[in-house]
Amino acid sequence: MLIEIIQSDDQLLKIALSGKLDALGISGQELKFHAMLNSQNSPVILDFSGVTFVASMGIRMLLTAARDILRQGHTLKIEKAKDEIRKVFLTAGLSDLLL
């Protein structure tokens, strides 16, 4: 998984994720990801246009991030997810929370 900040200001944190969000893909990147989110008190948008696969470890990472952002009084949303990624979130019952 690769992480790139697209926008970071008081109004919005927008991050592009790419690659696989599985145990191997998030290994070593998860702490960096959460540090980015927790360093800013604003809504978060994740650009998923480059994400090719999401496994249970990736879902856990996203749910933890969403919970932390909600505690700050903001939202975390995913945009530009491929259809197969959207289906994973729908199947897991997470479309309202993340999409």
PDB file of N, CA and C in Angstrom:
ATOM      1  N   MET A   1       0.846  -1.170   0.000  1.00  0.00           N
ATOM      2  CA  MET A   1       0.000   0.000   0.000  1.00  0.00           C
ATOM      3  C   MET A   1       0.895   1.237   0.000  1.00  0.00           C
ATOM      4  N   LEU A   2       0.547   2.176  -0.830  1.00  0.00           N
ATOM      5  CA  LEU A   2       1.218   3.470  -0.855  1.00  0.00           C
ATOM      6  C   LEU A   2       0.245   4.542  -0.385  1.00  0.00           C
ATOM      7  N   ILE A   3       0.774   5.553   0.292  1.00  0.00           N
ATOM      8  CA  ILE A   3      -0.033   6.639   0.837  1.00  0.00           C
ATOM      9  C   ILE A   3       0.513   7.956   0.309  1.00  0.00           C
ATOM     10  N   GLU A   4      -0.385   8.787  -0.212  1.00  0.00           N
ATOM     11  CA  GLU A   4       0.024  10.112  -0.696  1.00  0.00           C
ATOM     12  C   GLU A   4      -0.996  11.146  -0.241  1.00  0.00           C
ATOM     13  N   ILE A   5      -0.519  12.191   0.412  1.00  0.00           N
ATOM     14  CA  ILE A   5      -1.414  13.278   0.817  1.00  0.00           C
ATOM     15  C   ILE A   5      -1.674  14.160  -0.395  1.00  0.00           C
ATOM     16  N   ILE A   6      -2.952  14.356  -0.700  1.00  0.00           N
ATOM     17  CA  ILE A   6      -3.350  15.202  -1.819  1.00  0.00           C
ATOM     18  C   ILE A   6      -3.674  16.612  -1.341  1.00  0.00           C
ATOM     19  N   GLN A   7      -4.357  16.699  -0.205  1.00  0.00           N
ATOM     20  CA  GLN A   7      -4.739  17.988   0.364  1.00  0.00           C
ATOM     21  C   GLN A   7      -4.670  17.877   1.877  1.00  0.00           C
ATOM     22  N   SER A   8      -4.095  18.891   2.492  1.00  0.00           N
ATOM     23  CA  SER A   8      -4.009  18.906   3.944  1.00  0.00           C
ATOM     24  C   SER A   8      -4.116  20.345   4.418  1.00  0.00           C
ATOM     25  N   ASP A   9      -5.295  20.692   4.942  1.00  0.00           N
ATOM     26  CA  ASP A   9      -5.499  22.021   5.505  1.00  0.00           C
ATOM     27  C   ASP A   9      -6.550  21.923   6.600  1.00  0.00           C
ATOM     28  N   ASP A  10      -6.991  23.054   7.112  1.00  0.00           N
ATOM     29  CA  ASP A  10      -7.969  23.055   8.209  1.00  0.00           C
ATOM     30  C   ASP A  10      -9.331  22.526   7.788  1.00  0.00           C
ATOM     31  N   GLN A  11      -9.613  22.545   6.501  1.00  0.00           N
ATOM     32  CA  GLN A  11     -10.929  22.159   6.016  1.00  0.00           C
ATOM     33  C   GLN A  11     -11.039  20.681   5.647  1.00  0.00           C
ATOM     34  N   LEU A  12      -9.912  20.076   5.227  1.00  0.00           N
ATOM     35  CA  LEU A  12      -9.982  18.718   4.692  1.00  0.00           C
ATOM     36  C   LEU A  12      -8.606  18.062   4.656  1.00  0.00           C
ATOM     37  N   LEU A  13      -8.600  16.770   4.932  1.00  0.00           N
ATOM     38  CA  LEU A  13      -7.422  15.945   4.693  1.00  0.00           C
ATOM     39  C   LEU A  13      -7.820  14.938   3.630  1.00  0.00           C
ATOM     40  N   LYS A  14      -7.162  14.995   2.488  1.00  0.00           N
ATOM     41  CA  LYS A  14      -7.454  14.067   1.395  1.00  0.00           C
ATOM     42  C   LYS A  14      -6.199  13.253   1.117  1.00  0.00           C
ATOM     43  N   ILE A  15      -6.371  11.933   1.180  1.00  0.00           N
ATOM     44  CA  ILE A  15      -5.256  11.005   1.030  1.00  0.00           C
ATOM     45  C   ILE A  15      -5.585  10.013  -0.077  1.00  0.00           C
ATOM     46  N   ALA A  16      -4.612   9.774  -0.947  1.00  0.00           N
ATOM     47  CA  ALA A  16      -4.747   8.744  -1.979  1.00  0.00           C
ATOM     48  C   ALA A  16      -4.049   7.483  -1.488  1.00  0.00           C
ATOM     49  N   LEU A  17      -4.778   6.384  -1.510  1.00  0.00           N
ATOM     50  CA  LEU A  17      -4.210   5.079  -1.190  1.00  0.00           C
ATOM     51  C   LEU A  17      -4.121   4.282  -2.480  1.00  0.00           C
ATOM     52  N   SER A  18      -3.084   3.467  -2.602  1.00  0.00           N
ATOM     53  CA  SER A  18      -2.973   2.611  -3.775  1.00  0.00           C
ATOM     54  C   SER A  18      -2.338   1.286  -3.384  1.00  0.00           C
ATOM     55  N   GLY A  19      -2.617   0.283  -4.181  1.00  0.00           N
ATOM     56  CA  GLY A  19      -2.101  -1.057  -3.917  1.00  0.00           C
ATOM     57  C   GLY A  19      -3.111  -1.914  -3.182  1.00  0.00           C
ATOM     58  N   LYS A  20      -2.597  -2.908  -2.482  1.00  0.00           N
ATOM     59  CA  LYS A  20      -3.444  -3.862  -1.765  1.00  0.00           C
ATOM     60  C   LYS A  20      -3.530  -3.515  -0.292  1.00  0.00           C
ATOM     61  N   LEU A  21      -4.758  -3.507   0.222  1.00  0.00           N
ATOM     62  CA  LEU A  21      -4.977  -3.313   1.654  1.00  0.00           C
ATOM     63  C   LEU A  21      -5.215  -4.680   2.275  1.00  0.00           C
ATOM     64  N   ASP A  22      -4.137  -5.428   2.371  1.00  0.00           N
ATOM     65  CA  ASP A  22      -4.154  -6.725   3.022  1.00  0.00           C
ATOM     66  C   ASP A  22      -3.053  -6.727   4.072  1.00  0.00           C
ATOM     67  N   ALA A  23      -2.840  -7.855   4.739  1.00  0.00           N
ATOM     68  CA  ALA A  23      -1.857  -7.904   5.826  1.00  0.00           C
ATOM     69  C   ALA A  23      -0.479  -7.461   5.358  1.00  0.00           C
ATOM     70  N   LEU A  24      -0.059  -7.928   4.205  1.00  0.00           N
ATOM     71  CA  LEU A  24       1.254  -7.554   3.680  1.00  0.00           C
ATOM     72  C   LEU A  24       1.281  -6.096   3.237  1.00  0.00           C
ATOM     73  N   GLY A  25       0.213  -5.654   2.595  1.00  0.00           N
ATOM     74  CA  GLY A  25       0.155  -4.289   2.070  1.00  0.00           C
ATOM     75  C   GLY A  25       0.140  -3.211   3.137  1.00  0.00           C
ATOM     76  N   ILE A  26      -0.575  -3.460   4.240  1.00  0.00           N
ATOM     77  CA  ILE A  26      -0.653  -2.422   5.268  1.00  0.00           C
ATOM     78  C   ILE A  26       0.468  -2.524   6.295  1.00  0.00           C
ATOM     79  N   SER A  27       1.196  -3.635   6.262  1.00  0.00           N
ATOM     80  CA  SER A  27       2.309  -3.815   7.182  1.00  0.00           C
ATOM     81  C   SER A  27       3.311  -2.674   7.028  1.00  0.00           C
ATOM     82  N   GLY A  28       3.603  -2.017   8.103  1.00  0.00           N
ATOM     83  CA  GLY A  28       4.545  -0.905   8.067  1.00  0.00           C
ATOM     84  C   GLY A  28       3.941   0.421   7.641  1.00  0.00           C
ATOM     85  N   GLN A  29       2.757   0.394   7.057  1.00  0.00           N
ATOM     86  CA  GLN A  29       2.098   1.616   6.601  1.00  0.00           C
ATOM     87  C   GLN A  29       0.955   2.033   7.516  1.00  0.00           C
ATOM     88  N   GLU A  30       0.419   1.097   8.271  1.00  0.00           N
ATOM     89  CA  GLU A  30      -0.757   1.383   9.095  1.00  0.00           C
ATOM     90  C   GLU A  30      -0.474   2.465  10.138  1.00  0.00           C
ATOM     91  N   LEU A  31       0.650   2.392  10.810  1.00  0.00           N
ATOM     92  CA  LEU A  31       0.979   3.410  11.811  1.00  0.00           C
ATOM     93  C   LEU A  31       1.140   4.782  11.163  1.00  0.00           C
ATOM     94  N   LYS A  32       1.776   4.825  10.027  1.00  0.00           N
ATOM     95  CA  LYS A  32       1.933   6.086   9.284  1.00  0.00           C
ATOM     96  C   LYS A  32       0.556   6.645   8.899  1.00  0.00           C
ATOM     97  N   PHE A  33      -0.320   5.776   8.431  1.00  0.00           N
ATOM     98  CA  PHE A  33      -1.668   6.172   8.031  1.00  0.00           C
ATOM     99  C   PHE A  33      -2.430   6.783   9.210  1.00  0.00           C
ATOM    100  N   HIS A  34      -2.424   6.085  10.348  1.00  0.00           N
ATOM    101  CA  HIS A  34      -3.147   6.586  11.518  1.00  0.00           C
ATOM    102  C   HIS A  34      -2.524   7.869  12.058  1.00  0.00           C
ATOM    103  N   ALA A  35      -1.217   7.979  11.994  1.00  0.00           N
ATOM    104  CA  ALA A  35      -0.548   9.207  12.442  1.00  0.00           C
ATOM    105  C   ALA A  35      -0.984  10.395  11.590  1.00  0.00           C
ATOM    106  N   MET A  36      -1.109  10.196  10.285  1.00  0.00           N
ATOM    107  CA  MET A  36      -1.584  11.272   9.397  1.00  0.00           C
ATOM    108  C   MET A  36      -2.985  11.716   9.797  1.00  0.00           C
ATOM    109  N   LEU A  37      -3.846  10.745  10.041  1.00  0.00           N
ATOM    110  CA  LEU A  37      -5.237  11.065  10.374  1.00  0.00           C
ATOM    111  C   LEU A  37      -5.350  11.761  11.716  1.00  0.00           C
ATOM    112  N   ASN A  38      -4.570  11.311  12.686  1.00  0.00           N
ATOM    113  CA  ASN A  38      -4.671  11.859  14.031  1.00  0.00           C
ATOM    114  C   ASN A  38      -3.952  13.191  14.189  1.00  0.00           C
ATOM    115  N   SER A  39      -3.119  13.548  13.233  1.00  0.00           N
ATOM    116  CA  SER A  39      -2.386  14.813  13.329  1.00  0.00           C
ATOM    117  C   SER A  39      -3.224  15.994  12.862  1.00  0.00           C
ATOM    118  N   GLN A  40      -4.371  15.720  12.296  1.00  0.00           N
ATOM    119  CA  GLN A  40      -5.200  16.789  11.748  1.00  0.00           C
ATOM    120  C   GLN A  40      -6.634  16.621  12.210  1.00  0.00           C
ATOM    121  N   ASN A  41      -7.252  17.705  12.602  1.00  0.00           N
ATOM    122  CA  ASN A  41      -8.620  17.680  13.090  1.00  0.00           C
ATOM    123  C   ASN A  41      -9.537  18.235  12.002  1.00  0.00           C
ATOM    124  N   SER A  42      -9.859  17.373  11.029  1.00  0.00           N
ATOM    125  CA  SER A  42     -10.716  17.783   9.918  1.00  0.00           C
ATOM    126  C   SER A  42     -11.344  16.544   9.288  1.00  0.00           C
ATOM    127  N   PRO A  43     -12.351  16.737   8.457  1.00  0.00           N
ATOM    128  CA  PRO A  43     -12.897  15.589   7.721  1.00  0.00           C
ATOM    129  C   PRO A  43     -11.810  14.965   6.844  1.00  0.00           C
ATOM    130  N   VAL A  44     -11.991  13.671   6.559  1.00  0.00           N
ATOM    131  CA  VAL A  44     -11.009  12.940   5.760  1.00  0.00           C
ATOM    132  C   VAL A  44     -11.697  12.289   4.563  1.00  0.00           C
ATOM    133  N   ILE A  45     -11.086  12.426   3.403  1.00  0.00           N
ATOM    134  CA  ILE A  45     -11.515  11.723   2.201  1.00  0.00           C
ATOM    135  C   ILE A  45     -10.361  10.850   1.750  1.00  0.00           C
ATOM    136  N   LEU A  46     -10.663   9.585   1.500  1.00  0.00           N
ATOM    137  CA  LEU A  46      -9.667   8.654   0.988  1.00  0.00           C
ATOM    138  C   LEU A  46      -9.965   8.382  -0.479  1.00  0.00           C
ATOM    139  N   ASP A  47      -9.021   8.681  -1.341  1.00  0.00           N
ATOM    140  CA  ASP A  47      -9.138   8.401  -2.767  1.00  0.00           C
ATOM    141  C   ASP A  47      -8.685   6.960  -2.981  1.00  0.00           C
ATOM    142  N   PHE A  48      -9.618   6.109  -3.370  1.00  0.00           N
ATOM    143  CA  PHE A  48      -9.351   4.691  -3.552  1.00  0.00           C
ATOM    144  C   PHE A  48      -9.154   4.312  -5.014  1.00  0.00           C
ATOM    145  N   SER A  49      -8.940   5.269  -5.894  1.00  0.00           N
ATOM    146  CA  SER A  49      -8.833   4.947  -7.317  1.00  0.00           C
ATOM    147  C   SER A  49      -7.671   4.000  -7.608  1.00  0.00           C
ATOM    148  N   GLY A  50      -6.649   3.984  -6.757  1.00  0.00           N
ATOM    149  CA  GLY A  50      -5.503   3.106  -6.966  1.00  0.00           C
ATOM    150  C   GLY A  50      -5.515   1.843  -6.132  1.00  0.00           C
ATOM    151  N   VAL A  51      -6.562   1.639  -5.342  1.00  0.00           N
ATOM    152  CA  VAL A  51      -6.647   0.440  -4.496  1.00  0.00           C
ATOM    153  C   VAL A  51      -7.153  -0.723  -5.347  1.00  0.00           C
ATOM    154  N   THR A  52      -6.409  -1.834  -5.296  1.00  0.00           N
ATOM    155  CA  THR A  52      -6.750  -2.991  -6.124  1.00  0.00           C
ATOM    156  C   THR A  52      -7.371  -4.135  -5.352  1.00  0.00           C
ATOM    157  N   PHE A  53      -7.240  -4.126  -4.026  1.00  0.00           N
ATOM    158  CA  PHE A  53      -7.741  -5.237  -3.224  1.00  0.00           C
ATOM    159  C   PHE A  53      -7.883  -4.784  -1.776  1.00  0.00           C
ATOM    160  N   VAL A  54      -8.957  -5.242  -1.113  1.00  0.00           N
ATOM    161  CA  VAL A  54      -9.151  -4.958   0.311  1.00  0.00           C
ATOM    162  C   VAL A  54      -9.483  -6.268   1.021  1.00  0.00           C
ATOM    163  N   ALA A  55      -8.652  -6.622   2.003  1.00  0.00           N
ATOM    164  CA  ALA A  55      -8.877  -7.819   2.819  1.00  0.00           C
ATOM    165  C   ALA A  55      -9.356  -7.379   4.203  1.00  0.00           C
ATOM    166  N   SER A  56      -9.586  -8.348   5.069  1.00  0.00           N
ATOM    167  CA  SER A  56     -10.119  -8.046   6.399  1.00  0.00           C
ATOM    168  C   SER A  56      -9.199  -7.118   7.187  1.00  0.00           C
ATOM    169  N   MET A  57      -7.895  -7.246   7.031  1.00  0.00           N
ATOM    170  CA  MET A  57      -6.960  -6.358   7.739  1.00  0.00           C
ATOM    171  C   MET A  57      -7.113  -4.910   7.263  1.00  0.00           C
ATOM    172  N   GLY A  58      -7.359  -4.736   5.988  1.00  0.00           N
ATOM    173  CA  GLY A  58      -7.593  -3.399   5.446  1.00  0.00           C
ATOM    174  C   GLY A  58      -8.896  -2.817   5.961  1.00  0.00           C
ATOM    175  N   ILE A  59      -9.922  -3.652   6.051  1.00  0.00           N
ATOM    176  CA  ILE A  59     -11.204  -3.202   6.592  1.00  0.00           C
ATOM    177  C   ILE A  59     -11.034  -2.788   8.053  1.00  0.00           C
ATOM    178  N   ARG A  60     -10.292  -3.581   8.824  1.00  0.00           N
ATOM    179  CA  ARG A  60     -10.042  -3.234  10.226  1.00  0.00           C
ATOM    180  C   ARG A  60      -9.328  -1.894  10.332  1.00  0.00           C
ATOM    181  N   MET A  61      -8.332  -1.672   9.492  1.00  0.00           N
ATOM    182  CA  MET A  61      -7.601  -0.408   9.502  1.00  0.00           C
ATOM    183  C   MET A  61      -8.542   0.766   9.216  1.00  0.00           C
ATOM    184  N   LEU A  62      -9.431   0.586   8.240  1.00  0.00           N
ATOM    185  CA  LEU A  62     -10.366   1.651   7.869  1.00  0.00           C
ATOM    186  C   LEU A  62     -11.399   1.894   8.969  1.00  0.00           C
ATOM    187  N   LEU A  63     -11.890   0.840   9.594  1.00  0.00           N
ATOM    188  CA  LEU A  63     -12.866   1.005  10.678  1.00  0.00           C
ATOM    189  C   LEU A  63     -12.245   1.705  11.875  1.00  0.00           C
ATOM    190  N   THR A  64     -11.016   1.364  12.198  1.00  0.00           N
ATOM    191  CA  THR A  64     -10.315   2.037  13.287  1.00  0.00           C
ATOM    192  C   THR A  64     -10.141   3.514  12.967  1.00  0.00           C
ATOM    193  N   ALA A  65      -9.771   3.803  11.729  1.00  0.00           N
ATOM    194  CA  ALA A  65      -9.604   5.196  11.305  1.00  0.00           C
ATOM    195  C   ALA A  65     -10.927   5.948  11.369  1.00  0.00           C
ATOM    196  N   ALA A  66     -12.001   5.326  10.873  1.00  0.00           N
ATOM    197  CA  ALA A  66     -13.314   5.972  10.889  1.00  0.00           C
ATOM    198  C   ALA A  66     -13.755   6.261  12.318  1.00  0.00           C
ATOM    199  N   ARG A  67     -13.528   5.310  13.218  1.00  0.00           N
ATOM    200  CA  ARG A  67     -13.890   5.507  14.631  1.00  0.00           C
ATOM    201  C   ARG A  67     -13.123   6.688  15.231  1.00  0.00           C
ATOM    202  N   ASP A  68     -11.832   6.753  14.960  1.00  0.00           N
ATOM    203  CA  ASP A  68     -11.018   7.851  15.487  1.00  0.00           C
ATOM    204  C   ASP A  68     -11.467   9.199  14.939  1.00  0.00           C
ATOM    205  N   ILE A  69     -11.779   9.248  13.661  1.00  0.00           N
ATOM    206  CA  ILE A  69     -12.226  10.501  13.026  1.00  0.00           C
ATOM    207  C   ILE A  69     -13.593  10.911  13.584  1.00  0.00           C
ATOM    208  N   LEU A  70     -14.483   9.943  13.775  1.00  0.00           N
ATOM    209  CA  LEU A  70     -15.799  10.247  14.348  1.00  0.00           C
ATOM    210  C   LEU A  70     -15.673  10.802  15.759  1.00  0.00           C
ATOM    211  N   ARG A  71     -14.732  10.300  16.526  1.00  0.00           N
ATOM    212  CA  ARG A  71     -14.499  10.815  17.885  1.00  0.00           C
ATOM    213  C   ARG A  71     -14.057  12.273  17.862  1.00  0.00           C
ATOM    214  N   GLN A  72     -13.426  12.694  16.787  1.00  0.00           N
ATOM    215  CA  GLN A  72     -13.006  14.086  16.624  1.00  0.00           C
ATOM    216  C   GLN A  72     -14.164  14.964  16.147  1.00  0.00           C
ATOM    217  N   GLY A  73     -15.300  14.325  15.831  1.00  0.00           N
ATOM    218  CA  GLY A  73     -16.455  15.071  15.357  1.00  0.00           C
ATOM    219  C   GLY A  73     -16.473  15.276  13.853  1.00  0.00           C
ATOM    220  N   HIS A  74     -15.712  14.473  13.133  1.00  0.00           N
ATOM    221  CA  HIS A  74     -15.637  14.603  11.678  1.00  0.00           C
ATOM    222  C   HIS A  74     -16.012  13.281  11.008  1.00  0.00           C
ATOM    223  N   THR A  75     -15.907  13.235   9.696  1.00  0.00           N
ATOM    224  CA  THR A  75     -16.260  12.050   8.935  1.00  0.00           C
ATOM    225  C   THR A  75     -15.069  11.562   8.125  1.00  0.00           C
ATOM    226  N   LEU A  76     -15.116  10.281   7.792  1.00  0.00           N
ATOM    227  CA  LEU A  76     -14.157   9.676   6.889  1.00  0.00           C
ATOM    228  C   LEU A  76     -14.960   9.043   5.765  1.00  0.00           C
ATOM    229  N   LYS A  77     -14.669   9.424   4.550  1.00  0.00           N
ATOM    230  CA  LYS A  77     -15.379   8.878   3.394  1.00  0.00           C
ATOM    231  C   LYS A  77     -14.385   8.401   2.353  1.00  0.00           C
ATOM    232  N   ILE A  78     -14.814   7.416   1.600  1.00  0.00           N
ATOM    233  CA  ILE A  78     -14.006   6.867   0.516  1.00  0.00           C
ATOM    234  C   ILE A  78     -14.639   7.280  -0.803  1.00  0.00           C
ATOM    235  N   GLU A  79     -13.783   7.708  -1.738  1.00  0.00           N
ATOM    236  CA  GLU A  79     -14.275   8.069  -3.062  1.00  0.00           C
ATOM    237  C   GLU A  79     -13.461   7.335  -4.122  1.00  0.00           C
ATOM    238  N   LYS A  80     -14.041   7.218  -5.283  1.00  0.00           N
ATOM    239  CA  LYS A  80     -13.410   6.637  -6.468  1.00  0.00           C
ATOM    240  C   LYS A  80     -13.001   5.173  -6.294  1.00  0.00           C
ATOM    241  N   ALA A  81     -13.724   4.439  -5.472  1.00  0.00           N
ATOM    242  CA  ALA A  81     -13.440   3.011  -5.302  1.00  0.00           C
ATOM    243  C   ALA A  81     -13.959   2.239  -6.511  1.00  0.00           C
ATOM    244  N   LYS A  82     -13.183   1.284  -6.965  1.00  0.00           N
ATOM    245  CA  LYS A  82     -13.596   0.412  -8.068  1.00  0.00           C
ATOM    246  C   LYS A  82     -14.804  -0.413  -7.615  1.00  0.00           C
ATOM    247  N   ASP A  83     -15.573  -0.895  -8.594  1.00  0.00           N
ATOM    248  CA  ASP A  83     -16.792  -1.650  -8.284  1.00  0.00           C
ATOM    249  C   ASP A  83     -16.532  -2.846  -7.376  1.00  0.00           C
ATOM    250  N   GLU A  84     -15.439  -3.581  -7.625  1.00  0.00           N
ATOM    251  CA  GLU A  84     -15.171  -4.765  -6.801  1.00  0.00           C
ATOM    252  C   GLU A  84     -14.835  -4.385  -5.356  1.00  0.00           C
ATOM    253  N   ILE A  85     -14.237  -3.216  -5.159  1.00  0.00           N
ATOM    254  CA  ILE A  85     -13.944  -2.730  -3.809  1.00  0.00           C
ATOM    255  C   ILE A  85     -15.246  -2.283  -3.137  1.00  0.00           C
ATOM    256  N   ARG A  86     -16.100  -1.594  -3.890  1.00  0.00           N
ATOM    257  CA  ARG A  86     -17.399  -1.170  -3.362  1.00  0.00           C
ATOM    258  C   ARG A  86     -18.213  -2.392  -2.909  1.00  0.00           C
ATOM    259  N   LYS A  87     -18.141  -3.470  -3.672  1.00  0.00           N
ATOM    260  CA  LYS A  87     -18.877  -4.690  -3.327  1.00  0.00           C
ATOM    261  C   LYS A  87     -18.390  -5.276  -2.002  1.00  0.00           C
ATOM    262  N   VAL A  88     -17.095  -5.184  -1.746  1.00  0.00           N
ATOM    263  CA  VAL A  88     -16.555  -5.661  -0.472  1.00  0.00           C
ATOM    264  C   VAL A  88     -17.190  -4.882   0.683  1.00  0.00           C
ATOM    265  N   PHE A  89     -17.256  -3.554   0.543  1.00  0.00           N
ATOM    266  CA  PHE A  89     -17.850  -2.732   1.599  1.00  0.00           C
ATOM    267  C   PHE A  89     -19.350  -2.993   1.738  1.00  0.00           C
ATOM    268  N   LEU A  90     -20.036  -3.186   0.621  1.00  0.00           N
ATOM    269  CA  LEU A  90     -21.462  -3.502   0.671  1.00  0.00           C
ATOM    270  C   LEU A  90     -21.694  -4.836   1.372  1.00  0.00           C
ATOM    271  N   THR A  91     -20.914  -5.844   1.011  1.00  0.00           N
ATOM    272  CA  THR A  91     -21.040  -7.174   1.612  1.00  0.00           C
ATOM    273  C   THR A  91     -20.764  -7.129   3.106  1.00  0.00           C
ATOM    274  N   ALA A  92     -19.802  -6.330   3.503  1.00  0.00           N
ATOM    275  CA  ALA A  92     -19.448  -6.207   4.928  1.00  0.00           C
ATOM    276  C   ALA A  92     -20.394  -5.293   5.687  1.00  0.00           C
ATOM    277  N   GLY A  93     -21.347  -4.673   4.979  1.00  0.00           N
ATOM    278  CA  GLY A  93     -22.300  -3.785   5.638  1.00  0.00           C
ATOM    279  C   GLY A  93     -21.711  -2.437   6.031  1.00  0.00           C
ATOM    280  N   LEU A  94     -20.686  -2.003   5.320  1.00  0.00           N
ATOM    281  CA  LEU A  94     -19.990  -0.781   5.673  1.00  0.00           C
ATOM    282  C   LEU A  94     -20.200   0.374   4.690  1.00  0.00           C
ATOM    283  N   SER A  95     -21.077   0.193   3.745  1.00  0.00           N
ATOM    284  CA  SER A  95     -21.241   1.229   2.723  1.00  0.00           C
ATOM    285  C   SER A  95     -21.734   2.549   3.312  1.00  0.00           C
ATOM    286  N   ASP A  96     -22.630   2.516   4.281  1.00  0.00           N
ATOM    287  CA  ASP A  96     -23.116   3.764   4.878  1.00  0.00           C
ATOM    288  C   ASP A  96     -22.033   4.487   5.661  1.00  0.00           C
ATOM    289  N   LEU A  97     -21.152   3.725   6.260  1.00  0.00           N
ATOM    290  CA  LEU A  97     -20.094   4.312   7.071  1.00  0.00           C
ATOM    291  C   LEU A  97     -18.971   4.900   6.214  1.00  0.00           C
ATOM    292  N   LEU A  98     -18.613   4.206   5.148  1.00  0.00           N
ATOM    293  CA  LEU A  98     -17.422   4.583   4.414  1.00  0.00           C
ATOM    294  C   LEU A  98     -17.646   5.171   3.021  1.00  0.00           C
ATOM    295  N   LEU A  99     -18.740   4.831   2.380  1.00  0.00           N
ATOM    296  CA  LEU A  99     -18.933   5.290   0.992  1.00  0.00           C
ATOM    297  C   LEU A  99     -19.881   6.471   0.903  1.00  0.00           C
TER     298      LEU A  99
END
